[in-house]
């Protein structure tokens, strides 16, 4: 299990669970403004 902190709010992410920053923030009750993102879309570019 991983623990992430956003504005001092602890968010636990289970093993194997995949969240991006927008999803983790939403889980903690924070809204991050975003323009073009949908959970069903794949990542456009990878390094």
C-alpha atoms as a PDB file:
ATOM      1  CA  UNK A   1       0.000   0.000   0.000  1.00  0.00           C
ATOM      2  CA  UNK A   2       1.216   3.485  -0.834  1.00  0.00           C
ATOM      3  CA  UNK A   3       0.443   6.660   1.061  1.00  0.00           C
ATOM      4  CA  UNK A   4       0.237   9.995  -0.748  1.00  0.00           C
ATOM      5  CA  UNK A   5      -0.201  13.394   0.878  1.00  0.00           C
ATOM      6  CA  UNK A   6      -1.970  16.317  -0.775  1.00  0.00           C
ATOM      7  CA  UNK A   7      -2.156  19.490   1.330  1.00  0.00           C
ATOM      8  CA  UNK A   8      -1.366  17.384   4.416  1.00  0.00           C
ATOM      9  CA  UNK A   9      -4.299  15.036   3.718  1.00  0.00           C
ATOM     10  CA  UNK A  10      -3.287  11.374   3.717  1.00  0.00           C
ATOM     11  CA  UNK A  11      -4.551   9.248   0.829  1.00  0.00           C
ATOM     12  CA  UNK A  12      -3.984   5.499   0.893  1.00  0.00           C
ATOM     13  CA  UNK A  13      -3.626   3.705  -2.425  1.00  0.00           C
ATOM     14  CA  UNK A  14      -3.970  -0.070  -2.391  1.00  0.00           C
ATOM     15  CA  UNK A  15      -1.387  -2.347  -3.990  1.00  0.00           C
ATOM     16  CA  UNK A  16      -2.136  -2.684  -7.686  1.00  0.00           C
ATOM     17  CA  UNK A  17      -4.424   0.343  -7.711  1.00  0.00           C
ATOM     18  CA  UNK A  18      -3.471   2.923 -10.322  1.00  0.00           C
ATOM     19  CA  UNK A  19      -4.382   6.540  -9.647  1.00  0.00           C
ATOM     20  CA  UNK A  20      -3.024   9.660 -11.258  1.00  0.00           C
ATOM     21  CA  UNK A  21      -2.730  12.987  -9.456  1.00  0.00           C
ATOM     22  CA  UNK A  22      -6.195  14.156 -10.484  1.00  0.00           C
ATOM     23  CA  UNK A  23      -7.817  10.967  -9.183  1.00  0.00           C
ATOM     24  CA  UNK A  24      -5.857  10.996  -5.916  1.00  0.00           C
ATOM     25  CA  UNK A  25      -6.790  14.629  -5.296  1.00  0.00           C
ATOM     26  CA  UNK A  26     -10.465  13.923  -6.015  1.00  0.00           C
ATOM     27  CA  UNK A  27     -10.409  11.054  -3.528  1.00  0.00           C
ATOM     28  CA  UNK A  28      -9.189  13.508  -0.871  1.00  0.00           C
ATOM     29  CA  UNK A  29     -11.879  16.030  -1.781  1.00  0.00           C
ATOM     30  CA  UNK A  30      -9.681  18.423  -3.772  1.00  0.00           C
ATOM     31  CA  UNK A  31     -10.487  19.606  -7.266  1.00  0.00           C
ATOM     32  CA  UNK A  32      -7.585  20.166  -9.643  1.00  0.00           C
ATOM     33  CA  UNK A  33      -8.700  22.126 -12.706  1.00  0.00           C
ATOM     34  CA  UNK A  34      -7.971  20.189 -15.870  1.00  0.00           C
ATOM     35  CA  UNK A  35      -8.727  20.757 -19.507  1.00  0.00           C
ATOM     36  CA  UNK A  36      -8.609  17.491 -21.400  1.00  0.00           C
ATOM     37  CA  UNK A  37      -8.624  14.370 -19.244  1.00  0.00           C
ATOM     38  CA  UNK A  38     -10.953  11.404 -18.972  1.00  0.00           C
ATOM     39  CA  UNK A  39     -10.293   8.207 -16.982  1.00  0.00           C
ATOM     40  CA  UNK A  40     -11.161   6.085 -20.025  1.00  0.00           C
ATOM     41  CA  UNK A  41      -8.478   7.647 -22.226  1.00  0.00           C
ATOM     42  CA  UNK A  42      -4.966   6.281 -22.482  1.00  0.00           C
ATOM     43  CA  UNK A  43      -1.799   8.299 -21.965  1.00  0.00           C
ATOM     44  CA  UNK A  44      -0.922  10.177 -25.160  1.00  0.00           C
ATOM     45  CA  UNK A  45       2.850  10.457 -24.698  1.00  0.00           C
ATOM     46  CA  UNK A  46       5.359   8.493 -22.690  1.00  0.00           C
ATOM     47  CA  UNK A  47       9.019   9.161 -22.135  1.00  0.00           C
END
